[in-house]
All heavy atoms as atom14 arrays in JSON, in Angstrom:
{
  "sequence": "MDFQTRLYELDEINSCLYDIGFTKLSVYSSYEKVIAENNQTEKFL",
  "atom14_mask": [
    [1, 1, 1, 1, 1, 1, 1, 1, 0, 0, 0, 0, 0, 0],
    [1, 1, 1, 1, 1, 1, 1, 1, 0, 0, 0, 0, 0, 0],
    [1, 1, 1, 1, 1, 1, 1, 1, 1, 1, 1, 0, 0, 0],
    [1, 1, 1, 1, 1, 1, 1, 1, 1, 0, 0, 0, 0, 0],
    [1, 1, 1, 1, 1, 1, 1, 0, 0, 0, 0, 0, 0, 0],
    [1, 1, 1, 1, 1, 1, 1, 1, 1, 1, 1, 0, 0, 0],
    [1, 1, 1, 1, 1, 1, 1, 1, 0, 0, 0, 0, 0, 0],
    [1, 1, 1, 1, 1, 1, 1, 1, 1, 1, 1, 1, 0, 0],
    [1, 1, 1, 1, 1, 1, 1, 1, 1, 0, 0, 0, 0, 0],
    [1, 1, 1, 1, 1, 1, 1, 1, 0, 0, 0, 0, 0, 0],
    [1, 1, 1, 1, 1, 1, 1, 1, 0, 0, 0, 0, 0, 0],
    [1, 1, 1, 1, 1, 1, 1, 1, 1, 0, 0, 0, 0, 0],
    [1, 1, 1, 1, 1, 1, 1, 1, 0, 0, 0, 0, 0, 0],
    [1, 1, 1, 1, 1, 1, 1, 1, 0, 0, 0, 0, 0, 0],
    [1, 1, 1, 1, 1, 1, 0, 0, 0, 0, 0, 0, 0, 0],
    [1, 1, 1, 1, 1, 1, 0, 0, 0, 0, 0, 0, 0, 0],
    [1, 1, 1, 1, 1, 1, 1, 1, 0, 0, 0, 0, 0, 0],
    [1, 1, 1, 1, 1, 1, 1, 1, 1, 1, 1, 1, 0, 0],
    [1, 1, 1, 1, 1, 1, 1, 1, 0, 0, 0, 0, 0, 0],
    [1, 1, 1, 1, 1, 1, 1, 1, 0, 0, 0, 0, 0, 0],
    [1, 1, 1, 1, 0, 0, 0, 0, 0, 0, 0, 0, 0, 0],
    [1, 1, 1, 1, 1, 1, 1, 1, 1, 1, 1, 0, 0, 0],
    [1, 1, 1, 1, 1, 1, 1, 0, 0, 0, 0, 0, 0, 0],
    [1, 1, 1, 1, 1, 1, 1, 1, 1, 0, 0, 0, 0, 0],
    [1, 1, 1, 1, 1, 1, 1, 1, 0, 0, 0, 0, 0, 0],
    [1, 1, 1, 1, 1, 1, 0, 0, 0, 0, 0, 0, 0, 0],
    [1, 1, 1, 1, 1, 1, 1, 0, 0, 0, 0, 0, 0, 0],
    [1, 1, 1, 1, 1, 1, 1, 1, 1, 1, 1, 1, 0, 0],
    [1, 1, 1, 1, 1, 1, 0, 0, 0, 0, 0, 0, 0, 0],
    [1, 1, 1, 1, 1, 1, 0, 0, 0, 0, 0, 0, 0, 0],
    [1, 1, 1, 1, 1, 1, 1, 1, 1, 1, 1, 1, 0, 0],
    [1, 1, 1, 1, 1, 1, 1, 1, 1, 0, 0, 0, 0, 0],
    [1, 1, 1, 1, 1, 1, 1, 1, 1, 0, 0, 0, 0, 0],
    [1, 1, 1, 1, 1, 1, 1, 0, 0, 0, 0, 0, 0, 0],
    [1, 1, 1, 1, 1, 1, 1, 1, 0, 0, 0, 0, 0, 0],
    [1, 1, 1, 1, 1, 0, 0, 0, 0, 0, 0, 0, 0, 0],
    [1, 1, 1, 1, 1, 1, 1, 1, 1, 0, 0, 0, 0, 0],
    [1, 1, 1, 1, 1, 1, 1, 1, 0, 0, 0, 0, 0, 0],
    [1, 1, 1, 1, 1, 1, 1, 1, 0, 0, 0, 0, 0, 0],
    [1, 1, 1, 1, 1, 1, 1, 1, 1, 0, 0, 0, 0, 0],
    [1, 1, 1, 1, 1, 1, 1, 0, 0, 0, 0, 0, 0, 0],
    [1, 1, 1, 1, 1, 1, 1, 1, 1, 0, 0, 0, 0, 0],
    [1, 1, 1, 1, 1, 1, 1, 1, 1, 0, 0, 0, 0, 0],
    [1, 1, 1, 1, 1, 1, 1, 1, 1, 1, 1, 0, 0, 0],
    [1, 1, 1, 1, 1, 1, 1, 1, 0, 0, 0, 0, 0, 0]
  ],
  "atom14_positions": [
    [[4.41, -20.27, 20.94], [3.14, -20.86, 20.63], [2.76, -20.63, 19.18], [3.0, -19.62, 18.7], [2.1, -20.27, 21.54], [2.27, -20.61, 23.0], [1.13, -19.8, 24.14], [-0.43, -20.17, 23.36], [0.0, 0.0, 0.0], [0.0, 0.0, 0.0], [0.0, 0.0, 0.0], [0.0, 0.0, 0.0], [0.0, 0.0, 0.0], [0.0, 0.0, 0.0]],
    [[2.2, -21.65, 18.55], [1.71, -21.59, 17.28], [0.21, -21.9, 17.15], [-0.17, -22.96, 17.51], [2.46, -22.49, 16.3], [2.08, -22.44, 14.91], [2.1, -21.28, 14.41], [1.77, -23.46, 14.25], [0.0, 0.0, 0.0], [0.0, 0.0, 0.0], [0.0, 0.0, 0.0], [0.0, 0.0, 0.0], [0.0, 0.0, 0.0], [0.0, 0.0, 0.0]],
    [[-0.61, -20.84, 16.88], [-1.97, -21.05, 16.85], [-2.59, -20.04, 15.84], [-2.02, -19.14, 15.47], [-2.68, -20.78, 18.21], [-2.54, -19.45, 18.82], [-3.46, -18.46, 18.61], [-1.32, -19.06, 19.51], [-3.34, -17.12, 18.98], [-1.22, -17.77, 19.97], [-2.21, -16.79, 19.74], [0.0, 0.0, 0.0], [0.0, 0.0, 0.0], [0.0, 0.0, 0.0]],
    [[-3.88, -20.36, 15.55], [-4.6, -19.5, 14.59], [-5.93, -19.18, 15.17], [-6.47, -20.03, 15.83], [-4.79, -20.27, 13.18], [-3.65, -20.46, 12.44], [-3.97, -21.1, 11.12], [-5.05, -21.56, 10.83], [-2.88, -21.18, 10.22], [0.0, 0.0, 0.0], [0.0, 0.0, 0.0], [0.0, 0.0, 0.0], [0.0, 0.0, 0.0], [0.0, 0.0, 0.0]],
    [[-6.43, -18.03, 14.93], [-7.72, -17.58, 15.26], [-8.54, -17.27, 14.0], [-8.08, -16.55, 13.15], [-7.73, -16.3, 16.14], [-6.96, -16.57, 17.27], [-9.13, -15.85, 16.57], [0.0, 0.0, 0.0], [0.0, 0.0, 0.0], [0.0, 0.0, 0.0], [0.0, 0.0, 0.0], [0.0, 0.0, 0.0], [0.0, 0.0, 0.0], [0.0, 0.0, 0.0]],
    [[-9.74, -17.89, 13.9], [-10.53, -17.77, 12.74], [-11.87, -17.07, 13.13], [-12.57, -17.64, 13.85], [-10.74, -19.06, 12.03], [-10.65, -19.03, 10.58], [-10.93, -20.35, 9.83], [-9.77, -21.11, 9.69], [-8.78, -20.9, 8.78], [-8.82, -19.78, 8.09], [-7.88, -21.7, 8.62], [0.0, 0.0, 0.0], [0.0, 0.0, 0.0], [0.0, 0.0, 0.0]],
    [[-12.07, -15.8, 12.73], [-13.2, -15.06, 13.08], [-14.35, -15.42, 12.12], [-15.53, -15.31, 12.45], [-12.9, -13.6, 13.19], [-11.94, -13.22, 14.28], [-11.7, -11.73, 14.24], [-12.28, -13.69, 15.7], [0.0, 0.0, 0.0], [0.0, 0.0, 0.0], [0.0, 0.0, 0.0], [0.0, 0.0, 0.0], [0.0, 0.0, 0.0], [0.0, 0.0, 0.0]],
    [[-14.02, -15.5, 10.88], [-15.02, -15.76, 9.77], [-14.5, -16.88, 8.86], [-13.31, -17.12, 8.63], [-15.13, -14.49, 8.94], [-15.65, -13.31, 9.71], [-14.81, -12.35, 10.21], [-16.95, -13.14, 10.05], [-15.24, -11.24, 10.95], [-17.51, -12.11, 10.79], [-16.57, -11.17, 11.21], [-17.04, -10.13, 12.0], [0.0, 0.0, 0.0], [0.0, 0.0, 0.0]],
    [[-15.51, -17.49, 8.24], [-15.26, -18.5, 7.2], [-15.33, -17.73, 5.92], [-15.86, -16.6, 5.76], [-16.23, -19.61, 7.2], [-15.98, -20.52, 8.44], [-16.8, -21.7, 8.44], [-17.52, -21.96, 7.41], [-16.78, -22.45, 9.43], [0.0, 0.0, 0.0], [0.0, 0.0, 0.0], [0.0, 0.0, 0.0], [0.0, 0.0, 0.0], [0.0, 0.0, 0.0]],
    [[-14.74, -18.36, 4.81], [-14.86, -17.67, 3.48], [-16.26, -17.41, 3.14], [-17.17, -18.22, 3.39], [-14.26, -18.63, 2.47], [-14.15, -18.17, 1.03], [-13.35, -16.87, 0.97], [-13.52, -19.28, 0.18], [0.0, 0.0, 0.0], [0.0, 0.0, 0.0], [0.0, 0.0, 0.0], [0.0, 0.0, 0.0], [0.0, 0.0, 0.0], [0.0, 0.0, 0.0]],
    [[-16.58, -16.17, 2.65], [-17.85, -15.7, 2.27], [-18.79, -15.38, 3.41], [-19.9, -14.85, 3.13], [-18.52, -16.62, 1.31], [-17.72, -16.74, -0.05], [-17.0, -15.8, -0.36], [-17.8, -17.82, -0.71], [0.0, 0.0, 0.0], [0.0, 0.0, 0.0], [0.0, 0.0, 0.0], [0.0, 0.0, 0.0], [0.0, 0.0, 0.0], [0.0, 0.0, 0.0]],
    [[-18.41, -15.66, 4.61], [-19.35, -15.39, 5.78], [-19.6, -13.88, 5.94], [-20.71, -13.52, 6.31], [-18.74, -15.97, 7.02], [-19.65, -15.95, 8.18], [-19.09, -16.59, 9.42], [-18.1, -17.38, 9.27], [-19.7, -16.42, 10.49], [0.0, 0.0, 0.0], [0.0, 0.0, 0.0], [0.0, 0.0, 0.0], [0.0, 0.0, 0.0], [0.0, 0.0, 0.0]],
    [[-18.68, -13.07, 5.66], [-18.69, -11.55, 5.93], [-19.28, -10.82, 4.72], [-19.62, -9.68, 4.81], [-17.41, -11.01, 6.42], [-17.64, -9.59, 7.15], [-16.43, -10.97, 5.33], [-16.44, -9.15, 7.9], [0.0, 0.0, 0.0], [0.0, 0.0, 0.0], [0.0, 0.0, 0.0], [0.0, 0.0, 0.0], [0.0, 0.0, 0.0], [0.0, 0.0, 0.0]],
    [[-19.4, -11.53, 3.62], [-19.75, -10.87, 2.36], [-21.12, -10.09, 2.48], [-21.25, -8.93, 2.05], [-19.85, -11.8, 1.16], [-18.45, -12.29, 0.84], [-17.47, -12.13, 1.46], [-18.35, -13.11, -0.32], [0.0, 0.0, 0.0], [0.0, 0.0, 0.0], [0.0, 0.0, 0.0], [0.0, 0.0, 0.0], [0.0, 0.0, 0.0], [0.0, 0.0, 0.0]],
    [[-22.07, -10.72, 3.01], [-23.4, -10.12, 3.15], [-23.32, -8.82, 3.95], [-24.01, -7.76, 3.66], [-24.43, -11.04, 3.71], [-24.09, -11.36, 5.02], [0.0, 0.0, 0.0], [0.0, 0.0, 0.0], [0.0, 0.0, 0.0], [0.0, 0.0, 0.0], [0.0, 0.0, 0.0], [0.0, 0.0, 0.0], [0.0, 0.0, 0.0], [0.0, 0.0, 0.0]],
    [[-22.51, -8.78, 4.99], [-22.24, -7.58, 5.84], [-21.69, -6.46, 5.01], [-22.06, -5.3, 5.07], [-21.44, -7.82, 7.0], [-22.09, -8.89, 8.24], [0.0, 0.0, 0.0], [0.0, 0.0, 0.0], [0.0, 0.0, 0.0], [0.0, 0.0, 0.0], [0.0, 0.0, 0.0], [0.0, 0.0, 0.0], [0.0, 0.0, 0.0], [0.0, 0.0, 0.0]],
    [[-20.64, -6.78, 4.19], [-20.05, -5.77, 3.24], [-20.94, -5.25, 2.23], [-20.93, -4.03, 2.03], [-18.71, -6.39, 2.65], [-17.69, -6.66, 3.69], [-16.61, -7.49, 2.97], [-17.15, -5.49, 4.39], [0.0, 0.0, 0.0], [0.0, 0.0, 0.0], [0.0, 0.0, 0.0], [0.0, 0.0, 0.0], [0.0, 0.0, 0.0], [0.0, 0.0, 0.0]],
    [[-21.81, -6.1, 1.59], [-22.77, -5.67, 0.64], [-23.86, -4.76, 1.34], [-24.3, -3.73, 0.87], [-23.44, -6.79, -0.03], [-22.63, -7.49, -1.1], [-22.35, -8.87, -0.99], [-22.06, -6.8, -2.15], [-21.59, -9.51, -1.99], [-21.27, -7.43, -3.05], [-21.04, -8.75, -3.05], [-20.23, -9.4, -3.87], [0.0, 0.0, 0.0], [0.0, 0.0, 0.0]],
    [[-24.21, -5.1, 2.62], [-25.26, -4.37, 3.29], [-24.77, -2.91, 3.62], [-25.61, -2.02, 3.65], [-25.6, -5.05, 4.66], [-26.43, -6.3, 4.52], [-26.98, -6.47, 3.37], [-26.61, -7.04, 5.45], [0.0, 0.0, 0.0], [0.0, 0.0, 0.0], [0.0, 0.0, 0.0], [0.0, 0.0, 0.0], [0.0, 0.0, 0.0], [0.0, 0.0, 0.0]],
    [[-23.55, -2.74, 3.81], [-22.99, -1.41, 4.07], [-22.73, -0.56, 2.87], [-22.16, 0.55, 2.92], [-21.79, -1.37, 5.05], [-20.65, -2.1, 4.59], [-22.21, -1.94, 6.44], [-19.41, -2.0, 5.36], [0.0, 0.0, 0.0], [0.0, 0.0, 0.0], [0.0, 0.0, 0.0], [0.0, 0.0, 0.0], [0.0, 0.0, 0.0], [0.0, 0.0, 0.0]],
    [[-22.93, -1.21, 1.62], [-22.85, -0.44, 0.45], [-21.73, -0.83, -0.58], [-21.69, -0.23, -1.7], [0.0, 0.0, 0.0], [0.0, 0.0, 0.0], [0.0, 0.0, 0.0], [0.0, 0.0, 0.0], [0.0, 0.0, 0.0], [0.0, 0.0, 0.0], [0.0, 0.0, 0.0], [0.0, 0.0, 0.0], [0.0, 0.0, 0.0], [0.0, 0.0, 0.0]],
    [[-20.88, -1.76, -0.23], [-19.84, -2.18, -1.28], [-20.62, -3.04, -2.33], [-21.54, -3.73, -2.05], [-18.82, -2.99, -0.6], [-17.91, -2.26, 0.27], [-17.96, -2.38, 1.73], [-16.96, -1.38, -0.23], [-17.13, -1.66, 2.52], [-16.16, -0.6, 0.6], [-16.26, -0.82, 1.95], [0.0, 0.0, 0.0], [0.0, 0.0, 0.0], [0.0, 0.0, 0.0]],
    [[-20.25, -2.78, -3.52], [-20.84, -3.44, -4.64], [-20.04, -4.51, -5.31], [-20.4, -5.33, -6.07], [-21.3, -2.42, -5.71], [-20.15, -1.77, -6.15], [-22.32, -1.45, -5.26], [0.0, 0.0, 0.0], [0.0, 0.0, 0.0], [0.0, 0.0, 0.0], [0.0, 0.0, 0.0], [0.0, 0.0, 0.0], [0.0, 0.0, 0.0], [0.0, 0.0, 0.0]],
    [[-18.61, -4.38, -5.06], [-17.73, -5.44, -5.73], [-16.75, -5.96, -4.5], [-16.19, -5.11, -3.91], [-16.94, -4.71, -6.8], [-15.99, -5.71, -7.52], [-15.43, -5.08, -8.7], [-14.6, -6.17, -9.54], [-13.29, -6.5, -8.99], [0.0, 0.0, 0.0], [0.0, 0.0, 0.0], [0.0, 0.0, 0.0], [0.0, 0.0, 0.0], [0.0, 0.0, 0.0]],
    [[-16.67, -7.22, -4.4], [-15.75, -7.79, -3.42], [-14.84, -8.76, -4.14], [-15.25, -9.61, -4.95], [-16.55, -8.61, -2.38], [-17.56, -7.83, -1.57], [-18.35, -8.79, -0.62], [-16.98, -6.61, -0.76], [0.0, 0.0, 0.0], [0.0, 0.0, 0.0], [0.0, 0.0, 0.0], [0.0, 0.0, 0.0], [0.0, 0.0, 0.0], [0.0, 0.0, 0.0]],
    [[-13.59, -8.74, -3.75], [-12.59, -9.75, -4.1], [-12.0, -10.25, -2.81], [-11.59, -9.45, -1.95], [-11.52, -9.18, -5.04], [-12.18, -8.68, -6.24], [0.0, 0.0, 0.0], [0.0, 0.0, 0.0], [0.0, 0.0, 0.0], [0.0, 0.0, 0.0], [0.0, 0.0, 0.0], [0.0, 0.0, 0.0], [0.0, 0.0, 0.0], [0.0, 0.0, 0.0]],
    [[-11.8, -11.54, -2.68], [-11.19, -12.07, -1.46], [-9.97, -12.9, -1.86], [-10.06, -13.78, -2.65], [-12.22, -13.08, -0.78], [-11.67, -13.54, 0.53], [-13.65, -12.46, -0.57], [0.0, 0.0, 0.0], [0.0, 0.0, 0.0], [0.0, 0.0, 0.0], [0.0, 0.0, 0.0], [0.0, 0.0, 0.0], [0.0, 0.0, 0.0], [0.0, 0.0, 0.0]],
    [[-8.93, -12.52, -1.27], [-7.6, -13.09, -1.51], [-7.03, -13.87, -0.32], [-7.51, -13.57, 0.83], [-6.6, -11.94, -1.98], [-7.07, -11.2, -3.1], [-7.41, -9.79, -2.91], [-7.23, -11.7, -4.35], [-7.87, -8.98, -4.0], [-7.64, -10.88, -5.44], [-7.9, -9.6, -5.22], [-8.39, -8.83, -6.23], [0.0, 0.0, 0.0], [0.0, 0.0, 0.0]],
    [[-6.13, -14.73, -0.63], [-5.51, -15.58, 0.51], [-4.06, -15.07, 0.75], [-3.34, -15.56, 1.58], [-5.53, -17.02, 0.16], [-4.84, -17.25, -1.01], [0.0, 0.0, 0.0], [0.0, 0.0, 0.0], [0.0, 0.0, 0.0], [0.0, 0.0, 0.0], [0.0, 0.0, 0.0], [0.0, 0.0, 0.0], [0.0, 0.0, 0.0], [0.0, 0.0, 0.0]],
    [[-3.64, -14.03, -0.07], [-2.33, -13.58, 0.1], [-2.17, -12.12, -0.44], [-3.06, -11.77, -1.19], [-1.3, -14.45, -0.58], [-1.32, -14.3, -2.08], [0.0, 0.0, 0.0], [0.0, 0.0, 0.0], [0.0, 0.0, 0.0], [0.0, 0.0, 0.0], [0.0, 0.0, 0.0], [0.0, 0.0, 0.0], [0.0, 0.0, 0.0], [0.0, 0.0, 0.0]],
    [[-1.11, -11.47, -0.04], [-0.95, -10.09, -0.6], [-0.55, -10.08, -2.19], [-0.59, -9.04, -2.7], [0.16, -9.37, 0.11], [-0.2, -9.09, 1.59], [0.36, -9.82, 2.73], [-1.15, -8.09, 1.8], [-0.11, -9.49, 3.97], [-1.58, -7.81, 3.11], [-1.02, -8.49, 4.14], [-1.4, -8.27, 5.43], [0.0, 0.0, 0.0], [0.0, 0.0, 0.0]],
    [[-0.24, -11.31, -2.69], [0.01, -11.4, -4.08], [-1.29, -11.53, -4.91], [-1.36, -11.88, -6.08], [0.9, -12.56, -4.38], [2.31, -12.38, -3.98], [2.55, -12.55, -2.48], [1.73, -13.35, -1.87], [3.35, -11.99, -1.89], [0.0, 0.0, 0.0], [0.0, 0.0, 0.0], [0.0, 0.0, 0.0], [0.0, 0.0, 0.0], [0.0, 0.0, 0.0]],
    [[-2.44, -11.37, -4.23], [-3.76, -11.38, -4.76], [-4.2, -12.79, -5.39], [-4.76, -12.98, -6.48], [-4.0, -10.3, -5.8], [-4.0, -8.94, -5.17], [-4.49, -7.97, -6.15], [-4.66, -6.6, -5.4], [-5.27, -5.59, -6.28], [0.0, 0.0, 0.0], [0.0, 0.0, 0.0], [0.0, 0.0, 0.0], [0.0, 0.0, 0.0], [0.0, 0.0, 0.0]],
    [[-3.79, -13.86, -4.57], [-4.16, -15.19, -4.98], [-5.61, -15.36, -4.48], [-5.84, -15.08, -3.27], [-3.23, -16.28, -4.29], [-3.82, -17.67, -4.55], [-1.83, -16.1, -4.86], [0.0, 0.0, 0.0], [0.0, 0.0, 0.0], [0.0, 0.0, 0.0], [0.0, 0.0, 0.0], [0.0, 0.0, 0.0], [0.0, 0.0, 0.0], [0.0, 0.0, 0.0]],
    [[-6.55, -15.72, -5.28], [-7.98, -15.8, -4.93], [-8.19, -16.92, -3.85], [-7.7, -18.09, -3.98], [-8.83, -16.22, -6.13], [-8.71, -15.05, -7.27], [-10.27, -16.41, -5.66], [-9.26, -13.69, -6.87], [0.0, 0.0, 0.0], [0.0, 0.0, 0.0], [0.0, 0.0, 0.0], [0.0, 0.0, 0.0], [0.0, 0.0, 0.0], [0.0, 0.0, 0.0]],
    [[-8.83, -16.49, -2.84], [-9.11, -17.49, -1.68], [-10.27, -18.41, -2.18], [-11.24, -18.03, -2.75], [-9.69, -16.72, -0.45], [0.0, 0.0, 0.0], [0.0, 0.0, 0.0], [0.0, 0.0, 0.0], [0.0, 0.0, 0.0], [0.0, 0.0, 0.0], [0.0, 0.0, 0.0], [0.0, 0.0, 0.0], [0.0, 0.0, 0.0], [0.0, 0.0, 0.0]],
    [[-9.95, -19.78, -2.06], [-10.81, -20.72, -2.6], [-11.53, -21.53, -1.48], [-12.6, -22.18, -1.84], [-10.13, -21.65, -3.57], [-9.54, -20.9, -4.72], [-8.85, -21.85, -5.75], [-8.87, -22.98, -5.59], [-8.35, -21.29, -6.71], [0.0, 0.0, 0.0], [0.0, 0.0, 0.0], [0.0, 0.0, 0.0], [0.0, 0.0, 0.0], [0.0, 0.0, 0.0]],
    [[-11.01, -21.63, -0.3], [-11.59, -22.4, 0.74], [-11.11, -21.85, 2.09], [-10.43, -20.96, 2.18], [-11.21, -23.91, 0.61], [-9.75, -24.13, 0.5], [-9.01, -23.65, 1.4], [-9.24, -24.9, -0.4], [0.0, 0.0, 0.0], [0.0, 0.0, 0.0], [0.0, 0.0, 0.0], [0.0, 0.0, 0.0], [0.0, 0.0, 0.0], [0.0, 0.0, 0.0]],
    [[-11.56, -22.54, 3.11], [-11.29, -22.1, 4.5], [-9.86, -22.63, 5.09], [-9.57, -22.34, 6.16], [-12.32, -22.59, 5.52], [-13.67, -21.85, 5.27], [-13.66, -20.62, 5.08], [-14.75, -22.53, 5.24], [0.0, 0.0, 0.0], [0.0, 0.0, 0.0], [0.0, 0.0, 0.0], [0.0, 0.0, 0.0], [0.0, 0.0, 0.0], [0.0, 0.0, 0.0]],
    [[-9.09, -23.25, 4.2], [-7.85, -23.67, 4.67], [-6.71, -22.69, 4.58], [-5.6, -22.85, 4.98], [-7.39, -24.9, 3.75], [-8.4, -26.05, 3.79], [-8.67, -26.61, 5.21], [-7.72, -26.8, 5.94], [-9.86, -26.65, 5.58], [0.0, 0.0, 0.0], [0.0, 0.0, 0.0], [0.0, 0.0, 0.0], [0.0, 0.0, 0.0], [0.0, 0.0, 0.0]],
    [[-7.03, -21.43, 4.17], [-6.07, -20.35, 4.05], [-5.9, -19.72, 5.46], [-6.68, -19.82, 6.34], [-6.56, -19.25, 3.04], [-5.49, -18.3, 2.92], [-7.82, -18.59, 3.5], [0.0, 0.0, 0.0], [0.0, 0.0, 0.0], [0.0, 0.0, 0.0], [0.0, 0.0, 0.0], [0.0, 0.0, 0.0], [0.0, 0.0, 0.0], [0.0, 0.0, 0.0]],
    [[-4.76, -19.21, 5.69], [-4.35, -18.58, 7.0], [-5.0, -17.23, 7.2], [-5.25, -16.74, 8.34], [-2.88, -18.45, 7.22], [-2.19, -19.72, 7.32], [-0.73, -19.55, 7.57], [-0.32, -18.5, 7.97], [0.1, -20.56, 7.4], [0.0, 0.0, 0.0], [0.0, 0.0, 0.0], [0.0, 0.0, 0.0], [0.0, 0.0, 0.0], [0.0, 0.0, 0.0]],
    [[-5.37, -16.54, 6.05], [-5.94, -15.13, 6.2], [-6.84, -14.89, 5.0], [-6.62, -15.52, 3.92], [-4.88, -14.05, 6.38], [-3.93, -14.05, 5.11], [-2.89, -12.92, 5.46], [-1.76, -13.09, 4.42], [-0.73, -14.07, 4.75], [0.0, 0.0, 0.0], [0.0, 0.0, 0.0], [0.0, 0.0, 0.0], [0.0, 0.0, 0.0], [0.0, 0.0, 0.0]],
    [[-7.68, -14.01, 5.17], [-8.59, -13.45, 4.06], [-8.37, -12.04, 3.95], [-8.45, -11.33, 4.88], [-10.01, -13.75, 4.32], [-10.39, -15.27, 4.41], [-11.02, -15.75, 5.48], [-10.19, -16.1, 3.31], [-11.37, -17.08, 5.58], [-10.51, -17.43, 3.3], [-11.08, -17.97, 4.56], [0.0, 0.0, 0.0], [0.0, 0.0, 0.0], [0.0, 0.0, 0.0]],
    [[-8.0, -11.63, 2.81], [-7.86, -10.25, 2.46], [-8.93, -9.71, 1.59], [-9.15, -10.33, 0.5], [-6.46, -9.94, 1.84], [-5.29, -10.43, 2.7], [-4.0, -10.37, 1.81], [-5.12, -9.67, 3.87], [0.0, 0.0, 0.0], [0.0, 0.0, 0.0], [0.0, 0.0, 0.0], [0.0, 0.0, 0.0], [0.0, 0.0, 0.0], [0.0, 0.0, 0.0]]
  ]
}
């Protein structure tokens, strides 16, 4: 089976992370630190 589960969209969780005290966030689409630009990526790091 080939399927994907998406729990959050890009930037959707940012406010939660800021609320718990983080001051700097970077969101990547791969382990090579490619910046995530849209919701078409398979994962957000």
